[in-house]
């Protein structure tokens, strides 16, 4: 495997880590590894910056709250599906 191929493989792993980082789901060790990678990889650093901008725009654009009864309706629909699957067996 060439260094470029190895680097691309690492980059794809780190791109997944970027989403986990932005979601607050990275361990301290993984966070440190990602930060080290971003400091040395311009491609991944640009991807990280882009994801930050996208999330920022989405947060500003999605101001309408979900209906108050949405959770109740979703849970009721799940129960209905489970009941129909159970009675079909």
PDB file of N, CA and C in Angstrom:
ATOM      1  N   UNK A   1       0.847  -1.165   0.000  1.00  0.00           N
ATOM      2  CA  UNK A   1       0.000   0.000   0.000  1.00  0.00           C
ATOM      3  C   UNK A   1       0.894   1.230   0.000  1.00  0.00           C
ATOM      4  N   UNK A   2       0.590   2.172  -0.871  1.00  0.00           N
ATOM      5  CA  UNK A   2       1.395   3.389  -0.929  1.00  0.00           C
ATOM      6  C   UNK A   2       0.987   4.331   0.197  1.00  0.00           C
ATOM      7  N   UNK A   3       1.830   5.326   0.433  1.00  0.00           N
ATOM      8  CA  UNK A   3       1.519   6.296   1.487  1.00  0.00           C
ATOM      9  C   UNK A   3       0.240   7.061   1.150  1.00  0.00           C
ATOM     10  N   UNK A   4       0.049   7.378  -0.138  1.00  0.00           N
ATOM     11  CA  UNK A   4      -1.155   8.098  -0.555  1.00  0.00           C
ATOM     12  C   UNK A   4      -2.403   7.257  -0.315  1.00  0.00           C
ATOM     13  N   UNK A   5      -2.331   5.962  -0.626  1.00  0.00           N
ATOM     14  CA  UNK A   5      -3.464   5.071  -0.398  1.00  0.00           C
ATOM     15  C   UNK A   5      -3.747   4.943   1.086  1.00  0.00           C
ATOM     16  N   UNK A   6      -2.709   4.792   1.882  1.00  0.00           N
ATOM     17  CA  UNK A   6      -2.879   4.696   3.336  1.00  0.00           C
ATOM     18  C   UNK A   6      -3.496   5.973   3.877  1.00  0.00           C
ATOM     19  N   UNK A   7      -3.047   7.107   3.349  1.00  0.00           N
ATOM     20  CA  UNK A   7      -3.579   8.390   3.795  1.00  0.00           C
ATOM     21  C   UNK A   7      -5.058   8.512   3.460  1.00  0.00           C
ATOM     22  N   UNK A   8      -5.454   8.082   2.252  1.00  0.00           N
ATOM     23  CA  UNK A   8      -6.864   8.126   1.863  1.00  0.00           C
ATOM     24  C   UNK A   8      -7.706   7.251   2.776  1.00  0.00           C
ATOM     25  N   UNK A   9      -7.167   6.082   3.143  1.00  0.00           N
ATOM     26  CA  UNK A   9      -7.883   5.204   4.059  1.00  0.00           C
ATOM     27  C   UNK A   9      -8.083   5.867   5.405  1.00  0.00           C
ATOM     28  N   UNK A  10      -7.031   6.498   5.904  1.00  0.00           N
ATOM     29  CA  UNK A  10      -7.126   7.213   7.175  1.00  0.00           C
ATOM     30  C   UNK A  10      -8.114   8.367   7.061  1.00  0.00           C
ATOM     31  N   UNK A  11      -8.079   9.062   5.934  1.00  0.00           N
ATOM     32  CA  UNK A  11      -8.994  10.187   5.746  1.00  0.00           C
ATOM     33  C   UNK A  11     -10.448   9.726   5.802  1.00  0.00           C
ATOM     34  N   UNK A  12     -10.765   8.611   5.170  1.00  0.00           N
ATOM     35  CA  UNK A  12     -12.151   8.142   5.207  1.00  0.00           C
ATOM     36  C   UNK A  12     -12.567   7.796   6.631  1.00  0.00           C
ATOM     37  N   UNK A  13     -11.650   7.241   7.412  1.00  0.00           N
ATOM     38  CA  UNK A  13     -11.945   6.960   8.824  1.00  0.00           C
ATOM     39  C   UNK A  13     -12.178   8.264   9.581  1.00  0.00           C
ATOM     40  N   UNK A  14     -11.351   9.252   9.303  1.00  0.00           N
ATOM     41  CA  UNK A  14     -11.465  10.520  10.018  1.00  0.00           C
ATOM     42  C   UNK A  14     -12.694  11.308   9.585  1.00  0.00           C
ATOM     43  N   UNK A  15     -13.134  11.143   8.355  1.00  0.00           N
ATOM     44  CA  UNK A  15     -14.350  11.826   7.932  1.00  0.00           C
ATOM     45  C   UNK A  15     -15.541  11.327   8.740  1.00  0.00           C
ATOM     46  N   UNK A  16     -15.587  10.040   9.015  1.00  0.00           N
ATOM     47  CA  UNK A  16     -16.635   9.496   9.879  1.00  0.00           C
ATOM     48  C   UNK A  16     -16.505  10.081  11.276  1.00  0.00           C
ATOM     49  N   UNK A  17     -15.275  10.206  11.750  1.00  0.00           N
ATOM     50  CA  UNK A  17     -15.039  10.768  13.082  1.00  0.00           C
ATOM     51  C   UNK A  17     -15.481  12.223  13.172  1.00  0.00           C
ATOM     52  N   UNK A  18     -15.403  12.947  12.062  1.00  0.00           N
ATOM     53  CA  UNK A  18     -15.839  14.346  12.065  1.00  0.00           C
ATOM     54  C   UNK A  18     -17.310  14.431  12.455  1.00  0.00           C
ATOM     55  N   UNK A  19     -18.139  13.569  11.873  1.00  0.00           N
ATOM     56  CA  UNK A  19     -19.567  13.590  12.191  1.00  0.00           C
ATOM     57  C   UNK A  19     -19.792  13.214  13.652  1.00  0.00           C
ATOM     58  N   UNK A  20     -19.052  12.218  14.131  1.00  0.00           N
ATOM     59  CA  UNK A  20     -19.174  11.815  15.532  1.00  0.00           C
ATOM     60  C   UNK A  20     -18.735  12.949  16.452  1.00  0.00           C
ATOM     61  N   UNK A  21     -17.674  13.650  16.069  1.00  0.00           N
ATOM     62  CA  UNK A  21     -17.190  14.782  16.855  1.00  0.00           C
ATOM     63  C   UNK A  21     -18.248  15.884  16.921  1.00  0.00           C
ATOM     64  N   UNK A  22     -18.813  16.224  15.790  1.00  0.00           N
ATOM     65  CA  UNK A  22     -19.822  17.276  15.752  1.00  0.00           C
ATOM     66  C   UNK A  22     -21.075  16.887  16.526  1.00  0.00           C
ATOM     67  N   UNK A  23     -21.321  15.583  16.656  1.00  0.00           N
ATOM     68  CA  UNK A  23     -22.455  15.095  17.439  1.00  0.00           C
ATOM     69  C   UNK A  23     -22.106  14.918  18.910  1.00  0.00           C
ATOM     70  N   UNK A  24     -20.832  15.166  19.266  1.00  0.00           N
ATOM     71  CA  UNK A  24     -20.389  15.014  20.652  1.00  0.00           C
ATOM     72  C   UNK A  24     -20.249  13.571  21.080  1.00  0.00           C
ATOM     73  N   UNK A  25     -19.933  12.686  20.123  1.00  0.00           N
ATOM     74  CA  UNK A  25     -19.907  11.254  20.412  1.00  0.00           C
ATOM     75  C   UNK A  25     -18.517  10.629  20.344  1.00  0.00           C
ATOM     76  N   UNK A  26     -17.462  11.429  20.377  1.00  0.00           N
ATOM     77  CA  UNK A  26     -16.101  10.881  20.310  1.00  0.00           C
ATOM     78  C   UNK A  26     -15.497  10.760  21.700  1.00  0.00           C
ATOM     79  N   UNK A  27     -14.742   9.696  21.902  1.00  0.00           N
ATOM     80  CA  UNK A  27     -13.987   9.551  23.145  1.00  0.00           C
ATOM     81  C   UNK A  27     -12.840  10.559  23.134  1.00  0.00           C
ATOM     82  N   UNK A  28     -12.242  10.778  24.287  1.00  0.00           N
ATOM     83  CA  UNK A  28     -11.112  11.724  24.380  1.00  0.00           C
ATOM     84  C   UNK A  28      -9.958  11.298  23.476  1.00  0.00           C
ATOM     85  N   UNK A  29      -9.657   9.995  23.453  1.00  0.00           N
ATOM     86  CA  UNK A  29      -8.558   9.501  22.614  1.00  0.00           C
ATOM     87  C   UNK A  29      -8.848   9.720  21.134  1.00  0.00           C
ATOM     88  N   UNK A  30     -10.079   9.385  20.717  1.00  0.00           N
ATOM     89  CA  UNK A  30     -10.449   9.564  19.314  1.00  0.00           C
ATOM     90  C   UNK A  30     -10.478  11.042  18.940  1.00  0.00           C
ATOM     91  N   UNK A  31     -10.910  11.873  19.871  1.00  0.00           N
ATOM     92  CA  UNK A  31     -10.933  13.309  19.631  1.00  0.00           C
ATOM     93  C   UNK A  31      -9.522  13.839  19.405  1.00  0.00           C
ATOM     94  N   UNK A  32      -8.593  13.404  20.237  1.00  0.00           N
ATOM     95  CA  UNK A  32      -7.203  13.848  20.095  1.00  0.00           C
ATOM     96  C   UNK A  32      -6.627  13.397  18.756  1.00  0.00           C
ATOM     97  N   UNK A  33      -6.928  12.148  18.372  1.00  0.00           N
ATOM     98  CA  UNK A  33      -6.439  11.626  17.089  1.00  0.00           C
ATOM     99  C   UNK A  33      -7.013  12.436  15.929  1.00  0.00           C
ATOM    100  N   UNK A  34      -8.301  12.758  16.003  1.00  0.00           N
ATOM    101  CA  UNK A  34      -8.931  13.551  14.945  1.00  0.00           C
ATOM    102  C   UNK A  34      -8.320  14.948  14.880  1.00  0.00           C
ATOM    103  N   UNK A  35      -8.140  15.580  16.016  1.00  0.00           N
ATOM    104  CA  UNK A  35      -7.557  16.919  16.029  1.00  0.00           C
ATOM    105  C   UNK A  35      -6.145  16.914  15.445  1.00  0.00           C
ATOM    106  N   UNK A  36      -5.363  15.895  15.778  1.00  0.00           N
ATOM    107  CA  UNK A  36      -4.018  15.774  15.210  1.00  0.00           C
ATOM    108  C   UNK A  36      -4.085  15.627  13.692  1.00  0.00           C
ATOM    109  N   UNK A  37      -5.017  14.793  13.230  1.00  0.00           N
ATOM    110  CA  UNK A  37      -5.162  14.578  11.789  1.00  0.00           C
ATOM    111  C   UNK A  37      -5.587  15.869  11.087  1.00  0.00           C
ATOM    112  N   UNK A  38      -6.571  16.573  11.662  1.00  0.00           N
ATOM    113  CA  UNK A  38      -7.051  17.814  11.048  1.00  0.00           C
ATOM    114  C   UNK A  38      -5.959  18.876  10.978  1.00  0.00           C
ATOM    115  N   UNK A  39      -5.057  18.857  11.940  1.00  0.00           N
ATOM    116  CA  UNK A  39      -3.962  19.830  11.955  1.00  0.00           C
ATOM    117  C   UNK A  39      -2.977  19.599  10.816  1.00  0.00           C
ATOM    118  N   UNK A  40      -2.951  18.366  10.278  1.00  0.00           N
ATOM    119  CA  UNK A  40      -1.971  18.031   9.245  1.00  0.00           C
ATOM    120  C   UNK A  40      -2.585  17.675   7.889  1.00  0.00           C
ATOM    121  N   UNK A  41      -3.905  17.577   7.820  1.00  0.00           N
ATOM    122  CA  UNK A  41      -4.556  17.171   6.565  1.00  0.00           C
ATOM    123  C   UNK A  41      -5.497  18.287   6.103  1.00  0.00           C
ATOM    124  N   UNK A  42      -5.069  18.994   5.093  1.00  0.00           N
ATOM    125  CA  UNK A  42      -5.851  20.121   4.583  1.00  0.00           C
ATOM    126  C   UNK A  42      -7.209  19.674   4.041  1.00  0.00           C
ATOM    127  N   UNK A  43      -7.246  18.522   3.387  1.00  0.00           N
ATOM    128  CA  UNK A  43      -8.494  18.019   2.813  1.00  0.00           C
ATOM    129  C   UNK A  43      -9.532  17.772   3.899  1.00  0.00           C
ATOM    130  N   UNK A  44      -9.142  17.076   4.948  1.00  0.00           N
ATOM    131  CA  UNK A  44     -10.077  16.780   6.036  1.00  0.00           C
ATOM    132  C   UNK A  44     -10.436  18.040   6.817  1.00  0.00           C
ATOM    133  N   UNK A  45      -9.481  18.945   6.973  1.00  0.00           N
ATOM    134  CA  UNK A  45      -9.756  20.205   7.673  1.00  0.00           C
ATOM    135  C   UNK A  45     -10.807  21.014   6.909  1.00  0.00           C
ATOM    136  N   UNK A  46     -10.720  21.017   5.582  1.00  0.00           N
ATOM    137  CA  UNK A  46     -11.714  21.719   4.771  1.00  0.00           C
ATOM    138  C   UNK A  46     -13.079  21.052   4.906  1.00  0.00           C
ATOM    139  N   UNK A  47     -13.100  19.732   4.924  1.00  0.00           N
ATOM    140  CA  UNK A  47     -14.357  18.996   5.092  1.00  0.00           C
ATOM    141  C   UNK A  47     -14.983  19.319   6.450  1.00  0.00           C
ATOM    142  N   UNK A  48     -14.146  19.366   7.483  1.00  0.00           N
ATOM    143  CA  UNK A  48     -14.623  19.719   8.822  1.00  0.00           C
ATOM    144  C   UNK A  48     -15.233  21.124   8.814  1.00  0.00           C
ATOM    145  N   UNK A  49     -14.528  22.076   8.223  1.00  0.00           N
ATOM    146  CA  UNK A  49     -15.032  23.452   8.153  1.00  0.00           C
ATOM    147  C   UNK A  49     -16.364  23.513   7.413  1.00  0.00           C
ATOM    148  N   UNK A  50     -16.472  22.771   6.312  1.00  0.00           N
ATOM    149  CA  UNK A  50     -17.707  22.734   5.538  1.00  0.00           C
ATOM    150  C   UNK A  50     -18.856  22.178   6.375  1.00  0.00           C
ATOM    151  N   UNK A  51     -18.608  21.092   7.083  1.00  0.00           N
ATOM    152  CA  UNK A  51     -19.650  20.498   7.928  1.00  0.00           C
ATOM    153  C   UNK A  51     -20.091  21.469   9.020  1.00  0.00           C
ATOM    154  N   UNK A  52     -19.155  22.225   9.572  1.00  0.00           N
ATOM    155  CA  UNK A  52     -19.500  23.228  10.587  1.00  0.00           C
ATOM    156  C   UNK A  52     -20.410  24.298   9.999  1.00  0.00           C
ATOM    157  N   UNK A  53     -20.093  24.756   8.790  1.00  0.00           N
ATOM    158  CA  UNK A  53     -20.914  25.770   8.128  1.00  0.00           C
ATOM    159  C   UNK A  53     -22.304  25.216   7.836  1.00  0.00           C
ATOM    160  N   UNK A  54     -22.374  23.999   7.313  1.00  0.00           N
ATOM    161  CA  UNK A  54     -23.665  23.382   6.992  1.00  0.00           C
ATOM    162  C   UNK A  54     -24.523  23.276   8.245  1.00  0.00           C
ATOM    163  N   UNK A  55     -23.948  22.797   9.329  1.00  0.00           N
ATOM    164  CA  UNK A  55     -24.713  22.663  10.576  1.00  0.00           C
ATOM    165  C   UNK A  55     -25.172  24.018  11.096  1.00  0.00           C
ATOM    166  N   UNK A  56     -24.336  25.014  10.964  1.00  0.00           N
ATOM    167  CA  UNK A  56     -24.695  26.356  11.418  1.00  0.00           C
ATOM    168  C   UNK A  56     -25.880  26.901  10.616  1.00  0.00           C
ATOM    169  N   UNK A  57     -25.829  26.741   9.304  1.00  0.00           N
ATOM    170  CA  UNK A  57     -26.919  27.205   8.441  1.00  0.00           C
ATOM    171  C   UNK A  57     -28.202  26.446   8.761  1.00  0.00           C
ATOM    172  N   UNK A  58     -28.086  25.148   8.963  1.00  0.00           N
ATOM    173  CA  UNK A  58     -29.271  24.348   9.283  1.00  0.00           C
ATOM    174  C   UNK A  58     -29.892  24.786  10.610  1.00  0.00           C
ATOM    175  N   UNK A  59     -29.064  25.059  11.598  1.00  0.00           N
ATOM    176  CA  UNK A  59     -29.592  25.494  12.895  1.00  0.00           C
ATOM    177  C   UNK A  59     -30.334  26.822  12.770  1.00  0.00           C
ATOM    178  N   UNK A  60     -29.804  27.725  11.965  1.00  0.00           N
ATOM    179  CA  UNK A  60     -30.461  29.019  11.772  1.00  0.00           C
ATOM    180  C   UNK A  60     -31.739  28.876  10.955  1.00  0.00           C
ATOM    181  N   UNK A  61     -31.775  27.921  10.051  1.00  0.00           N
ATOM    182  CA  UNK A  61     -32.904  27.767   9.139  1.00  0.00           C
ATOM    183  C   UNK A  61     -34.041  26.946   9.725  1.00  0.00           C
ATOM    184  N   UNK A  62     -33.740  26.098  10.647  1.00  0.00           N
ATOM    185  CA  UNK A  62     -34.742  25.182  11.209  1.00  0.00           C
ATOM    186  C   UNK A  62     -35.231  25.717  12.550  1.00  0.00           C
ATOM    187  N   UNK A  63     -36.010  26.764  12.498  1.00  0.00           N
ATOM    188  CA  UNK A  63     -36.456  27.421  13.726  1.00  0.00           C
ATOM    189  C   UNK A  63     -37.841  26.965  14.172  1.00  0.00           C
ATOM    190  N   UNK A  64     -38.577  26.346  13.291  1.00  0.00           N
ATOM    191  CA  UNK A  64     -39.936  25.945  13.626  1.00  0.00           C
ATOM    192  C   UNK A  64     -39.903  24.711  14.521  1.00  0.00           C
ATOM    193  N   UNK A  65     -40.511  24.798  15.696  1.00  0.00           N
ATOM    194  CA  UNK A  65     -40.500  23.636  16.598  1.00  0.00           C
ATOM    195  C   UNK A  65     -41.425  22.533  16.083  1.00  0.00           C
ATOM    196  N   UNK A  66     -41.110  21.324  16.477  1.00  0.00           N
ATOM    197  CA  UNK A  66     -41.959  20.185  16.122  1.00  0.00           C
ATOM    198  C   UNK A  66     -43.280  20.304  16.879  1.00  0.00           C
ATOM    199  N   UNK A  67     -44.359  19.779  16.300  1.00  0.00           N
ATOM    200  CA  UNK A  67     -45.644  19.813  17.012  1.00  0.00           C
ATOM    201  C   UNK A  67     -45.520  19.126  18.375  1.00  0.00           C
ATOM    202  N   UNK A  68     -46.237  19.633  19.353  1.00  0.00           N
ATOM    203  CA  UNK A  68     -46.141  19.123  20.723  1.00  0.00           C
ATOM    204  C   UNK A  68     -46.497  17.641  20.813  1.00  0.00           C
ATOM    205  N   UNK A  69     -47.414  17.197  19.977  1.00  0.00           N
ATOM    206  CA  UNK A  69     -47.858  15.804  20.073  1.00  0.00           C
ATOM    207  C   UNK A  69     -47.105  14.862  19.133  1.00  0.00           C
ATOM    208  N   UNK A  70     -46.050  15.335  18.501  1.00  0.00           N
ATOM    209  CA  UNK A  70     -45.324  14.511  17.529  1.00  0.00           C
ATOM    210  C   UNK A  70     -44.793  13.227  18.152  1.00  0.00           C
ATOM    211  N   UNK A  71     -44.139  13.327  19.291  1.00  0.00           N
ATOM    212  CA  UNK A  71     -43.578  12.141  19.944  1.00  0.00           C
ATOM    213  C   UNK A  71     -44.679  11.134  20.260  1.00  0.00           C
ATOM    214  N   UNK A  72     -45.791  11.606  20.774  1.00  0.00           N
ATOM    215  CA  UNK A  72     -46.909  10.720  21.104  1.00  0.00           C
ATOM    216  C   UNK A  72     -47.425  10.015  19.857  1.00  0.00           C
ATOM    217  N   UNK A  73     -47.567  10.750  18.756  1.00  0.00           N
ATOM    218  CA  UNK A  73     -48.053  10.146  17.510  1.00  0.00           C
ATOM    219  C   UNK A  73     -47.083   9.109  16.965  1.00  0.00           C
ATOM    220  N   UNK A  74     -45.791   9.399  17.041  1.00  0.00           N
ATOM    221  CA  UNK A  74     -44.781   8.447  16.557  1.00  0.00           C
ATOM    222  C   UNK A  74     -44.814   7.175  17.392  1.00  0.00           C
ATOM    223  N   UNK A  75     -44.826   7.327  18.710  1.00  0.00           N
ATOM    224  CA  UNK A  75     -44.854   6.149  19.585  1.00  0.00           C
ATOM    225  C   UNK A  75     -46.132   5.341  19.381  1.00  0.00           C
ATOM    226  N   UNK A  76     -47.255   6.011  19.170  1.00  0.00           N
ATOM    227  CA  UNK A  76     -48.512   5.308  18.924  1.00  0.00           C
ATOM    228  C   UNK A  76     -48.443   4.530  17.613  1.00  0.00           C
ATOM    229  N   UNK A  77     -47.861   5.129  16.604  1.00  0.00           N
ATOM    230  CA  UNK A  77     -47.725   4.449  15.301  1.00  0.00           C
ATOM    231  C   UNK A  77     -46.832   3.222  15.421  1.00  0.00           C
ATOM    232  N   UNK A  78     -45.753   3.332  16.186  1.00  0.00           N
ATOM    233  CA  UNK A  78     -44.867   2.184  16.415  1.00  0.00           C
ATOM    234  C   UNK A  78     -45.632   1.070  17.112  1.00  0.00           C
ATOM    235  N   UNK A  79     -46.408   1.428  18.133  1.00  0.00           N
ATOM    236  CA  UNK A  79     -47.218   0.421  18.836  1.00  0.00           C
ATOM    237  C   UNK A  79     -48.215  -0.235  17.888  1.00  0.00           C
ATOM    238  N   UNK A  80     -48.855   0.555  17.031  1.00  0.00           N
ATOM    239  CA  UNK A  80     -49.821   0.013  16.070  1.00  0.00           C
ATOM    240  C   UNK A  80     -49.158  -0.988  15.128  1.00  0.00           C
ATOM    241  N   UNK A  81     -47.980  -0.653  14.643  1.00  0.00           N
ATOM    242  CA  UNK A  81     -47.257  -1.547  13.729  1.00  0.00           C
ATOM    243  C   UNK A  81     -46.873  -2.831  14.446  1.00  0.00           C
ATOM    244  N   UNK A  82     -46.374  -2.713  15.659  1.00  0.00           N
ATOM    245  CA  UNK A  82     -45.996  -3.906  16.426  1.00  0.00           C
ATOM    246  C   UNK A  82     -47.199  -4.806  16.665  1.00  0.00           C
ATOM    247  N   UNK A  83     -48.342  -4.214  17.012  1.00  0.00           N
ATOM    248  CA  UNK A  83     -49.550  -5.005  17.244  1.00  0.00           C
ATOM    249  C   UNK A  83     -49.994  -5.724  15.977  1.00  0.00           C
ATOM    250  N   UNK A  84     -49.955  -5.026  14.845  1.00  0.00           N
ATOM    251  CA  UNK A  84     -50.391  -5.656  13.597  1.00  0.00           C
ATOM    252  C   UNK A  84     -49.434  -6.766  13.181  1.00  0.00           C
ATOM    253  N   UNK A  85     -48.136  -6.594  13.427  1.00  0.00           N
ATOM    254  CA  UNK A  85     -47.167  -7.650  13.115  1.00  0.00           C
ATOM    255  C   UNK A  85     -47.350  -8.835  14.049  1.00  0.00           C
ATOM    256  N   UNK A  86     -47.628  -8.564  15.306  1.00  0.00           N
ATOM    257  CA  UNK A  86     -47.802  -9.635  16.293  1.00  0.00           C
ATOM    258  C   UNK A  86     -49.076 -10.433  16.009  1.00  0.00           C
ATOM    259  N   UNK A  87     -50.157  -9.751  15.628  1.00  0.00           N
ATOM    260  CA  UNK A  87     -51.409 -10.452  15.356  1.00  0.00           C
ATOM    261  C   UNK A  87     -51.358 -11.220  14.042  1.00  0.00           C
ATOM    262  N   UNK A  88     -50.455 -10.839  13.144  1.00  0.00           N
ATOM    263  CA  UNK A  88     -50.312 -11.531  11.860  1.00  0.00           C
ATOM    264  C   UNK A  88     -49.566 -12.847  12.014  1.00  0.00           C
ATOM    265  N   UNK A  89     -48.855 -13.014  13.122  1.00  0.00           N
ATOM    266  CA  UNK A  89     -48.051 -14.222  13.330  1.00  0.00           C
ATOM    267  C   UNK A  89     -48.863 -15.347  13.807  1.00  0.00           C
TER     268      UNK A  89
END
